[in-house]
Amino acid sequence: MNAIGDKRGWTDAQLREAIEGSRSWRAAARALGLKDTSASVVRTIKRHTARLELDVSHFTGQRRWSDRQLREAVVASTCWAEVMSGLGVADNGPDRVRVKGHAARLGLDWGHLKTPHHHSEPGEVFDEPVREEMLSAAAPAVAMAWFALRGCAVALPVEPQEYDLLVTMPKGIQRVQVKTCVRPNGKGRWSVGVGRRPYVLDKSAGKMPYDPDGLDLFFIVLGNGSIYLIPSAVLAGRVQIDAGSYAPYRVGDASSLVS
């Protein structure tokens, strides 16, 4: 029941039922007939949940797994790969970091989780397939190697800049922005994004062109290995291009790296 002076429109018993039947704080608020977008409502529910010492380890929020499931997976596993598999989560870098971070916040002991070391057998050939979604991450390294093989010193900017690389070329230091396109579109065209998002928190904000005075070259790598080096002045004002229209600027082929 509610204490004297308590203005809540719900009882402790109703809160227990809402917590047991929900998977998040917002869902619990809805179960009590409250506004789930109100921060004050959620704080009130959390305070009374703590007072009643209710178990919320089954809450998942926006995750697909709960604290309870994570605890069980960590205890039952011998390595992080098994933990990820037990949670039904893809074992990639970002997701593993999120899971480990949550485990740290819960104070879980994972000292028994080992990183398996696979030793190559004599004659064993590395045959891992190319992951096309990694092209964007690999492209700057491809660009650095391409320039270095041509005797051009390459440096990374110390602070975040509109360009990715600084390259010393015969005509001086050039600011290079690296772009990629994994596969052609439905019309068979390699449509490459050559714009940038404005510096706002809204990730849905539209792309805008790069300032041609702040950039010298675009180094573009396509999913078929084609490499383009295009002066920024040529692409000034554009946020999307069809690479096929810039054939004179095709300078190389890295197809052996992406196949």
C-alpha atoms as a PDB file:
ATOM      1  CA  MET A   1       0.000   0.000   0.000  1.00  0.00           C
ATOM      2  CA  ASN A   2       0.971   3.668  -0.217  1.00  0.00           C
ATOM      3  CA  ALA A   3       2.369   5.478   2.789  1.00  0.00           C
ATOM      4  CA  ILE A   4       0.522   8.456   4.296  1.00  0.00           C
ATOM      5  CA  GLY A   5       1.264  11.571   2.238  1.00  0.00           C
ATOM      6  CA  ASP A   6       2.389   9.482  -0.729  1.00  0.00           C
ATOM      7  CA  LYS A   7       0.824  11.008  -3.857  1.00  0.00           C
ATOM      8  CA  ARG A   8       1.586   8.047  -6.065  1.00  0.00           C
ATOM      9  CA  GLY A   9      -1.277   6.706  -8.149  1.00  0.00           C
ATOM     10  CA  TRP A  10       0.013   3.155  -7.835  1.00  0.00           C
ATOM     11  CA  THR A  11       0.836   0.767  -5.010  1.00  0.00           C
ATOM     12  CA  ASP A  12       3.937  -1.191  -4.119  1.00  0.00           C
ATOM     13  CA  ALA A  13       2.147  -4.341  -5.249  1.00  0.00           C
ATOM     14  CA  GLN A  14       1.434  -2.786  -8.649  1.00  0.00           C
ATOM     15  CA  LEU A  15       5.059  -1.724  -8.933  1.00  0.00           C
ATOM     16  CA  ARG A  16       6.232  -5.273  -8.164  1.00  0.00           C
ATOM     17  CA  GLU A  17       3.960  -6.616 -10.885  1.00  0.00           C
ATOM     18  CA  ALA A  18       5.094  -3.964 -13.382  1.00  0.00           C
ATOM     19  CA  ILE A  19       8.782  -4.641 -12.703  1.00  0.00           C
ATOM     20  CA  GLU A  20       8.366  -8.396 -12.975  1.00  0.00           C
ATOM     21  CA  GLY A  21       6.505  -8.118 -16.281  1.00  0.00           C
ATOM     22  CA  SER A  22       8.712  -5.512 -17.956  1.00  0.00           C
ATOM     23  CA  ARG A  23      12.084  -5.475 -19.679  1.00  0.00           C
ATOM     24  CA  SER A  24      12.942  -1.804 -19.163  1.00  0.00           C
ATOM     25  CA  TRP A  25      12.201   1.164 -16.919  1.00  0.00           C
ATOM     26  CA  ARG A  26      10.102   2.787 -19.613  1.00  0.00           C
ATOM     27  CA  ALA A  27       8.086  -0.397 -20.058  1.00  0.00           C
ATOM     28  CA  ALA A  28       7.488  -0.480 -16.288  1.00  0.00           C
ATOM     29  CA  ALA A  29       6.253   3.116 -16.444  1.00  0.00           C
ATOM     30  CA  ARG A  30       3.812   2.204 -19.197  1.00  0.00           C
ATOM     31  CA  ALA A  31       2.595  -0.770 -17.190  1.00  0.00           C
ATOM     32  CA  LEU A  32       1.743   1.643 -14.364  1.00  0.00           C
ATOM     33  CA  GLY A  33      -0.110   3.916 -16.762  1.00  0.00           C
ATOM     34  CA  LEU A  34       2.556   6.623 -16.552  1.00  0.00           C
ATOM     35  CA  LYS A  35       4.339   8.724 -19.150  1.00  0.00           C
ATOM     36  CA  ASP A  36       7.354   6.635 -20.181  1.00  0.00           C
ATOM     37  CA  THR A  37       9.243   9.595 -21.664  1.00  0.00           C
ATOM     38  CA  SER A  38       9.307  11.510 -18.372  1.00  0.00           C
ATOM     39  CA  ALA A  39      12.700  11.426 -16.629  1.00  0.00           C
ATOM     40  CA  SER A  40      11.080  12.301 -13.286  1.00  0.00           C
ATOM     41  CA  VAL A  41       8.659   9.377 -13.611  1.00  0.00           C
ATOM     42  CA  VAL A  42      11.521   6.958 -14.276  1.00  0.00           C
ATOM     43  CA  ARG A  43      13.520   8.382 -11.333  1.00  0.00           C
ATOM     44  CA  THR A  44      10.517   7.889  -9.031  1.00  0.00           C
ATOM     45  CA  ILE A  45      10.068   4.298 -10.182  1.00  0.00           C
ATOM     46  CA  LYS A  46      13.766   3.586  -9.697  1.00  0.00           C
ATOM     47  CA  ARG A  47      13.720   5.065  -6.204  1.00  0.00           C
ATOM     48  CA  HIS A  48      10.791   2.933  -5.070  1.00  0.00           C
ATOM     49  CA  THR A  49      12.215  -0.134  -6.801  1.00  0.00           C
ATOM     50  CA  ALA A  50      15.410   0.308  -4.788  1.00  0.00           C
ATOM     51  CA  ARG A  51      13.397   0.837  -1.595  1.00  0.00           C
ATOM     52  CA  LEU A  52      11.563  -2.426  -2.153  1.00  0.00           C
ATOM     53  CA  GLU A  53      14.804  -4.148  -3.257  1.00  0.00           C
ATOM     54  CA  LEU A  54      13.132  -5.476  -6.391  1.00  0.00           C
ATOM     55  CA  ASP A  55      15.138  -7.553  -8.860  1.00  0.00           C
ATOM     56  CA  VAL A  56      15.646  -5.834 -12.224  1.00  0.00           C
ATOM     57  CA  SER A  57      18.376  -8.123 -13.540  1.00  0.00           C
ATOM     58  CA  HIS A  58      15.981  -9.258 -16.285  1.00  0.00           C
ATOM     59  CA  PHE A  59      15.827  -5.742 -17.732  1.00  0.00           C
ATOM     60  CA  THR A  60      17.384  -5.416 -21.173  1.00  0.00           C
ATOM     61  CA  GLY A  61      16.475  -1.860 -22.184  1.00  0.00           C
ATOM     62  CA  GLN A  62      17.463  -1.545 -25.847  1.00  0.00           C
ATOM     63  CA  ARG A  63      19.700  -4.604 -25.539  1.00  0.00           C
ATOM     64  CA  ARG A  64      18.644  -8.095 -26.534  1.00  0.00           C
ATOM     65  CA  TRP A  65      20.074  -9.580 -23.331  1.00  0.00           C
ATOM     66  CA  SER A  66      19.603  -8.885 -19.639  1.00  0.00           C
ATOM     67  CA  ASP A  67      22.042  -8.430 -16.757  1.00  0.00           C
ATOM     68  CA  ARG A  68      21.064 -11.884 -15.546  1.00  0.00           C
ATOM     69  CA  GLN A  69      21.820 -13.441 -18.926  1.00  0.00           C
ATOM     70  CA  LEU A  70      25.183 -11.679 -19.045  1.00  0.00           C
ATOM     71  CA  ARG A  71      26.108 -12.949 -15.575  1.00  0.00           C
ATOM     72  CA  GLU A  72      25.159 -16.486 -16.558  1.00  0.00           C
ATOM     73  CA  ALA A  73      27.054 -16.280 -19.866  1.00  0.00           C
ATOM     74  CA  VAL A  74      30.233 -14.999 -18.186  1.00  0.00           C
ATOM     75  CA  VAL A  75      30.140 -17.749 -15.546  1.00  0.00           C
ATOM     76  CA  ALA A  76      29.471 -20.513 -18.081  1.00  0.00           C
ATOM     77  CA  SER A  77      32.047 -19.424 -20.675  1.00  0.00           C
ATOM     78  CA  THR A  78      35.792 -19.872 -21.066  1.00  0.00           C
ATOM     79  CA  CYS A  79      36.383 -16.973 -23.484  1.00  0.00           C
ATOM     80  CA  TRP A  80      34.645 -13.829 -24.702  1.00  0.00           C
ATOM     81  CA  ALA A  81      33.674 -15.502 -27.969  1.00  0.00           C
ATOM     82  CA  GLU A  82      31.572 -17.966 -25.963  1.00  0.00           C
ATOM     83  CA  VAL A  83      30.025 -15.112 -23.974  1.00  0.00           C
ATOM     84  CA  MET A  84      28.975 -13.365 -27.174  1.00  0.00           C
ATOM     85  CA  SER A  85      27.589 -16.590 -28.601  1.00  0.00           C
ATOM     86  CA  GLY A  86      25.687 -17.250 -25.380  1.00  0.00           C
ATOM     87  CA  LEU A  87      24.067 -13.829 -25.604  1.00  0.00           C
ATOM     88  CA  GLY A  88      23.201 -14.305 -29.268  1.00  0.00           C
ATOM     89  CA  VAL A  89      25.264 -11.261 -30.226  1.00  0.00           C
ATOM     90  CA  ALA A  90      27.575 -10.959 -33.227  1.00  0.00           C
ATOM     91  CA  ASP A  91      31.180 -11.127 -32.027  1.00  0.00           C
ATOM     92  CA  ASN A  92      32.530  -7.955 -33.599  1.00  0.00           C
ATOM     93  CA  GLY A  93      34.678  -5.231 -32.077  1.00  0.00           C
ATOM     94  CA  PRO A  94      32.011  -2.662 -31.121  1.00  0.00           C
ATOM     95  CA  ASP A  95      29.556  -5.210 -29.686  1.00  0.00           C
ATOM     96  CA  ARG A  96      32.267  -6.971 -27.677  1.00  0.00           C
ATOM     97  CA  VAL A  97      33.388  -3.639 -26.203  1.00  0.00           C
ATOM     98  CA  ARG A  98      29.780  -2.840 -25.217  1.00  0.00           C
ATOM     99  CA  VAL A  99      29.313  -6.242 -23.573  1.00  0.00           C
ATOM    100  CA  LYS A 100      32.631  -5.992 -21.699  1.00  0.00           C
ATOM    101  CA  GLY A 101      31.774  -2.469 -20.594  1.00  0.00           C
ATOM    102  CA  HIS A 102      28.440  -3.622 -19.202  1.00  0.00           C
ATOM    103  CA  ALA A 103      30.128  -6.516 -17.437  1.00  0.00           C
ATOM    104  CA  ALA A 104      32.544  -4.028 -15.858  1.00  0.00           C
ATOM    105  CA  ARG A 105      29.665  -1.851 -14.637  1.00  0.00           C
ATOM    106  CA  LEU A 106      28.074  -4.921 -13.065  1.00  0.00           C
ATOM    107  CA  GLY A 107      31.361  -5.748 -11.344  1.00  0.00           C
ATOM    108  CA  LEU A 108      31.541  -9.201 -12.906  1.00  0.00           C
ATOM    109  CA  ASP A 109      34.718 -11.252 -12.536  1.00  0.00           C
ATOM    110  CA  TRP A 110      35.942 -12.376 -15.956  1.00  0.00           C
ATOM    111  CA  GLY A 111      39.451 -13.383 -14.985  1.00  0.00           C
ATOM    112  CA  HIS A 112      38.745 -16.928 -16.161  1.00  0.00           C
ATOM    113  CA  LEU A 113      37.918 -15.781 -19.691  1.00  0.00           C
ATOM    114  CA  LYS A 114      40.893 -16.403 -21.906  1.00  0.00           C
ATOM    115  CA  THR A 115      41.772 -15.217 -25.377  1.00  0.00           C
ATOM    116  CA  PRO A 116      42.411 -18.337 -27.454  1.00  0.00           C
ATOM    117  CA  HIS A 117      45.719 -18.439 -29.276  1.00  0.00           C
ATOM    118  CA  HIS A 118      45.619 -20.307 -32.542  1.00  0.00           C
ATOM    119  CA  HIS A 119      48.994 -21.523 -33.728  1.00  0.00           C
ATOM    120  CA  SER A 120      49.375 -22.073 -37.440  1.00  0.00           C
ATOM    121  CA  GLU A 121      50.169 -25.586 -38.501  1.00  0.00           C
ATOM    122  CA  PRO A 122      52.989 -26.227 -40.987  1.00  0.00           C
ATOM    123  CA  GLY A 123      51.671 -25.694 -44.485  1.00  0.00           C
ATOM    124  CA  GLU A 124      48.504 -23.991 -43.253  1.00  0.00           C
ATOM    125  CA  VAL A 125      47.243 -21.277 -45.610  1.00  0.00           C
ATOM    126  CA  PHE A 126      45.393 -18.224 -44.320  1.00  0.00           C
ATOM    127  CA  ASP A 127      42.109 -18.206 -46.195  1.00  0.00           C
ATOM    128  CA  GLU A 128      39.823 -15.855 -44.290  1.00  0.00           C
ATOM    129  CA  PRO A 129      37.416 -14.238 -46.766  1.00  0.00           C
ATOM    130  CA  VAL A 130      37.342 -10.497 -47.394  1.00  0.00           C
ATOM    131  CA  ARG A 131      34.703  -8.682 -45.359  1.00  0.00           C
ATOM    132  CA  GLU A 132      33.423  -5.944 -47.621  1.00  0.00           C
ATOM    133  CA  GLU A 133      32.066  -3.939 -44.702  1.00  0.00           C
ATOM    134  CA  MET A 134      35.678  -3.359 -43.609  1.00  0.00           C
ATOM    135  CA  LEU A 135      36.582  -1.441 -46.785  1.00  0.00           C
ATOM    136  CA  SER A 136      36.015   1.945 -45.164  1.00  0.00           C
ATOM    137  CA  ALA A 137      38.303   1.077 -42.245  1.00  0.00           C
ATOM    138  CA  ALA A 138      41.008  -0.374 -44.530  1.00  0.00           C
ATOM    139  CA  ALA A 139      40.990   2.347 -47.192  1.00  0.00           C
ATOM    140  CA  PRO A 140      43.260   4.849 -45.353  1.00  0.00           C
ATOM    141  CA  ALA A 141      45.921   2.132 -45.022  1.00  0.00           C
ATOM    142  CA  VAL A 142      45.550   1.360 -48.735  1.00  0.00           C
ATOM    143  CA  ALA A 143      46.017   5.061 -49.496  1.00  0.00           C
ATOM    144  CA  MET A 144      49.094   5.312 -47.263  1.00  0.00           C
ATOM    145  CA  ALA A 145      50.700   2.302 -48.941  1.00  0.00           C
ATOM    146  CA  TRP A 146      49.843   3.619 -52.427  1.00  0.00           C
ATOM    147  CA  PHE A 147      51.514   6.974 -51.754  1.00  0.00           C
ATOM    148  CA  ALA A 148      54.475   5.457 -49.867  1.00  0.00           C
ATOM    149  CA  LEU A 149      55.253   3.111 -52.764  1.00  0.00           C
ATOM    150  CA  ARG A 150      55.566   6.201 -54.946  1.00  0.00           C
ATOM    151  CA  GLY A 151      58.053   7.843 -52.618  1.00  0.00           C
ATOM    152  CA  CYS A 152      55.554  10.216 -51.019  1.00  0.00           C
ATOM    153  CA  ALA A 153      55.843  10.657 -47.252  1.00  0.00           C
ATOM    154  CA  VAL A 154      52.495  10.242 -45.496  1.00  0.00           C
ATOM    155  CA  ALA A 155      51.404  11.640 -42.125  1.00  0.00           C
ATOM    156  CA  LEU A 156      48.230  11.541 -40.090  1.00  0.00           C
ATOM    157  CA  PRO A 157      46.811  14.813 -38.755  1.00  0.00           C
ATOM    158  CA  VAL A 158      47.363  15.278 -35.010  1.00  0.00           C
ATOM    159  CA  GLU A 159      43.839  16.584 -34.472  1.00  0.00           C
ATOM    160  CA  PRO A 160      40.589  15.700 -36.272  1.00  0.00           C
ATOM    161  CA  GLN A 161      40.503  17.528 -39.586  1.00  0.00           C
ATOM    162  CA  GLU A 162      38.405  17.523 -42.738  1.00  0.00           C
ATOM    163  CA  TYR A 163      41.188  15.527 -44.384  1.00  0.00           C
ATOM    164  CA  ASP A 164      42.464  12.050 -43.470  1.00  0.00           C
ATOM    165  CA  LEU A 165      46.090  12.236 -44.624  1.00  0.00           C
ATOM    166  CA  LEU A 166      48.881  14.721 -45.263  1.00  0.00           C
ATOM    167  CA  VAL A 167      50.998  13.625 -48.221  1.00  0.00           C
ATOM    168  CA  THR A 168      54.262  15.203 -49.326  1.00  0.00           C
ATOM    169  CA  MET A 169      54.173  15.283 -53.113  1.00  0.00           C
ATOM    170  CA  PRO A 170      56.412  17.016 -55.693  1.00  0.00           C
ATOM    171  CA  LYS A 171      54.161  20.082 -55.632  1.00  0.00           C
ATOM    172  CA  GLY A 172      54.080  20.267 -51.847  1.00  0.00           C
ATOM    173  CA  ILE A 173      52.038  18.898 -48.967  1.00  0.00           C
ATOM    174  CA  GLN A 174      48.584  17.766 -50.058  1.00  0.00           C
ATOM    175  CA  ARG A 175      45.551  17.262 -47.827  1.00  0.00           C
ATOM    176  CA  VAL A 176      43.849  14.006 -48.789  1.00  0.00           C
ATOM    177  CA  GLN A 177      40.352  12.809 -47.935  1.00  0.00           C
ATOM    178  CA  VAL A 178      39.753   9.038 -48.329  1.00  0.00           C
ATOM    179  CA  LYS A 179      36.373   7.788 -49.559  1.00  0.00           C
ATOM    180  CA  THR A 180      34.996   4.353 -50.435  1.00  0.00           C
ATOM    181  CA  CYS A 181      32.096   2.617 -52.150  1.00  0.00           C
ATOM    182  CA  VAL A 182      31.537  -1.062 -51.376  1.00  0.00           C
ATOM    183  CA  ARG A 183      29.360  -2.069 -54.312  1.00  0.00           C
ATOM    184  CA  PRO A 184      27.588  -0.580 -57.355  1.00  0.00           C
ATOM    185  CA  ASN A 185      24.006   0.581 -57.021  1.00  0.00           C
ATOM    186  CA  GLY A 186      20.983  -0.975 -58.678  1.00  0.00           C
ATOM    187  CA  LYS A 187      21.889   0.693 -61.969  1.00  0.00           C
ATOM    188  CA  GLY A 188      25.411  -0.724 -61.903  1.00  0.00           C
ATOM    189  CA  ARG A 189      27.018   2.599 -61.073  1.00  0.00           C
ATOM    190  CA  TRP A 190      29.648   3.178 -58.431  1.00  0.00           C
ATOM    191  CA  SER A 191      27.933   5.985 -56.548  1.00  0.00           C
ATOM    192  CA  VAL A 192      30.515   7.441 -54.141  1.00  0.00           C
ATOM    193  CA  GLY A 193      29.643   9.827 -51.343  1.00  0.00           C
ATOM    194  CA  VAL A 194      32.089  12.732 -51.400  1.00  0.00           C
ATOM    195  CA  GLY A 195      30.291  14.977 -48.929  1.00  0.00           C
ATOM    196  CA  ARG A 196      30.474  15.333 -45.169  1.00  0.00           C
ATOM    197  CA  ARG A 197      28.006  15.839 -42.367  1.00  0.00           C
ATOM    198  CA  PRO A 198      27.977  19.264 -40.730  1.00  0.00           C
ATOM    199  CA  TYR A 199      29.304  19.324 -37.183  1.00  0.00           C
ATOM    200  CA  VAL A 200      25.951  18.798 -35.474  1.00  0.00           C
ATOM    201  CA  LEU A 201      24.710  16.104 -33.125  1.00  0.00           C
ATOM    202  CA  ASP A 202      21.860  15.146 -35.447  1.00  0.00           C
ATOM    203  CA  LYS A 203      23.130  12.104 -37.364  1.00  0.00           C
ATOM    204  CA  SER A 204      20.254  12.463 -39.823  1.00  0.00           C
ATOM    205  CA  ALA A 205      21.532  15.845 -41.002  1.00  0.00           C
ATOM    206  CA  GLY A 206      22.099  15.973 -44.745  1.00  0.00           C
ATOM    207  CA  LYS A 207      25.559  15.845 -46.293  1.00  0.00           C
ATOM    208  CA  MET A 208      27.288  19.025 -47.431  1.00  0.00           C
ATOM    209  CA  PRO A 209      30.221  19.499 -49.845  1.00  0.00           C
ATOM    210  CA  TYR A 210      33.774  19.860 -48.606  1.00  0.00           C
ATOM    211  CA  ASP A 211      35.311  23.305 -48.819  1.00  0.00           C
ATOM    212  CA  PRO A 212      37.736  23.070 -51.789  1.00  0.00           C
ATOM    213  CA  ASP A 213      40.076  25.457 -49.943  1.00  0.00           C
ATOM    214  CA  GLY A 214      40.350  23.012 -47.041  1.00  0.00           C
ATOM    215  CA  LEU A 215      41.130  19.907 -49.095  1.00  0.00           C
ATOM    216  CA  ASP A 216      43.374  19.067 -52.059  1.00  0.00           C
ATOM    217  CA  LEU A 217      42.662  15.506 -53.160  1.00  0.00           C
ATOM    218  CA  PHE A 218      40.106  12.723 -52.868  1.00  0.00           C
ATOM    219  CA  PHE A 219      41.554   9.184 -52.730  1.00  0.00           C
ATOM    220  CA  ILE A 220      38.693   6.820 -53.615  1.00  0.00           C
ATOM    221  CA  VAL A 221      38.704   3.024 -53.306  1.00  0.00           C
ATOM    222  CA  LEU A 222      35.886   0.982 -54.829  1.00  0.00           C
ATOM    223  CA  GLY A 223      34.765  -2.476 -53.822  1.00  0.00           C
ATOM    224  CA  ASN A 224      36.179  -3.890 -57.080  1.00  0.00           C
ATOM    225  CA  GLY A 225      39.623  -2.528 -56.212  1.00  0.00           C
ATOM    226  CA  SER A 226      39.626   0.506 -58.515  1.00  0.00           C
ATOM    227  CA  ILE A 227      41.558   3.482 -57.122  1.00  0.00           C
ATOM    228  CA  TYR A 228      40.857   7.096 -58.064  1.00  0.00           C
ATOM    229  CA  LEU A 229      42.799  10.225 -57.166  1.00  0.00           C
ATOM    230  CA  ILE A 230      40.680  13.286 -57.915  1.00  0.00           C
ATOM    231  CA  PRO A 231      41.516  16.932 -57.168  1.00  0.00           C
ATOM    232  CA  SER A 232      39.025  18.509 -54.784  1.00  0.00           C
ATOM    233  CA  ALA A 233      38.479  21.368 -57.243  1.00  0.00           C
ATOM    234  CA  VAL A 234      37.096  18.844 -59.753  1.00  0.00           C
ATOM    235  CA  LEU A 235      34.468  17.687 -57.246  1.00  0.00           C
ATOM    236  CA  ALA A 236      33.765  21.101 -55.722  1.00  0.00           C
ATOM    237  CA  GLY A 237      30.145  21.492 -54.626  1.00  0.00           C
ATOM    238  CA  ARG A 238      29.338  17.775 -54.992  1.00  0.00           C
ATOM    239  CA  VAL A 239      28.264  15.313 -52.314  1.00  0.00           C
ATOM    240  CA  GLN A 240      27.797  12.272 -54.581  1.00  0.00           C
ATOM    241  CA  ILE A 241      29.504  11.182 -57.798  1.00  0.00           C
ATOM    242  CA  ASP A 242      29.425   8.332 -60.292  1.00  0.00           C
ATOM    243  CA  ALA A 243      33.031   7.110 -60.313  1.00  0.00           C
ATOM    244  CA  GLY A 244      32.617   5.892 -63.879  1.00  0.00           C
ATOM    245  CA  SER A 245      32.404   9.511 -65.000  1.00  0.00           C
ATOM    246  CA  TYR A 246      35.917  10.182 -63.728  1.00  0.00           C
ATOM    247  CA  ALA A 247      37.862   7.513 -65.657  1.00  0.00           C
ATOM    248  CA  PRO A 248      40.853   9.835 -66.361  1.00  0.00           C
ATOM    249  CA  TYR A 249      41.487   9.977 -62.619  1.00  0.00           C
ATOM    250  CA  ARG A 250      41.611   6.197 -62.159  1.00  0.00           C
ATOM    251  CA  VAL A 251      45.185   5.615 -60.980  1.00  0.00           C
ATOM    252  CA  GLY A 252      45.368   2.020 -59.827  1.00  0.00           C
ATOM    253  CA  ASP A 253      43.871  -1.345 -59.032  1.00  0.00           C
ATOM    254  CA  ALA A 254      43.834  -3.047 -55.637  1.00  0.00           C
ATOM    255  CA  SER A 255      41.516  -5.869 -56.668  1.00  0.00           C
ATOM    256  CA  SER A 256      43.805  -8.494 -55.110  1.00  0.00           C
ATOM    257  CA  LEU A 257      43.138  -6.875 -51.731  1.00  0.00           C
ATOM    258  CA  VAL A 258      39.343  -6.924 -51.985  1.00  0.00           C
ATOM    259  CA  SER A 259      38.734 -10.305 -53.604  1.00  0.00           C
END
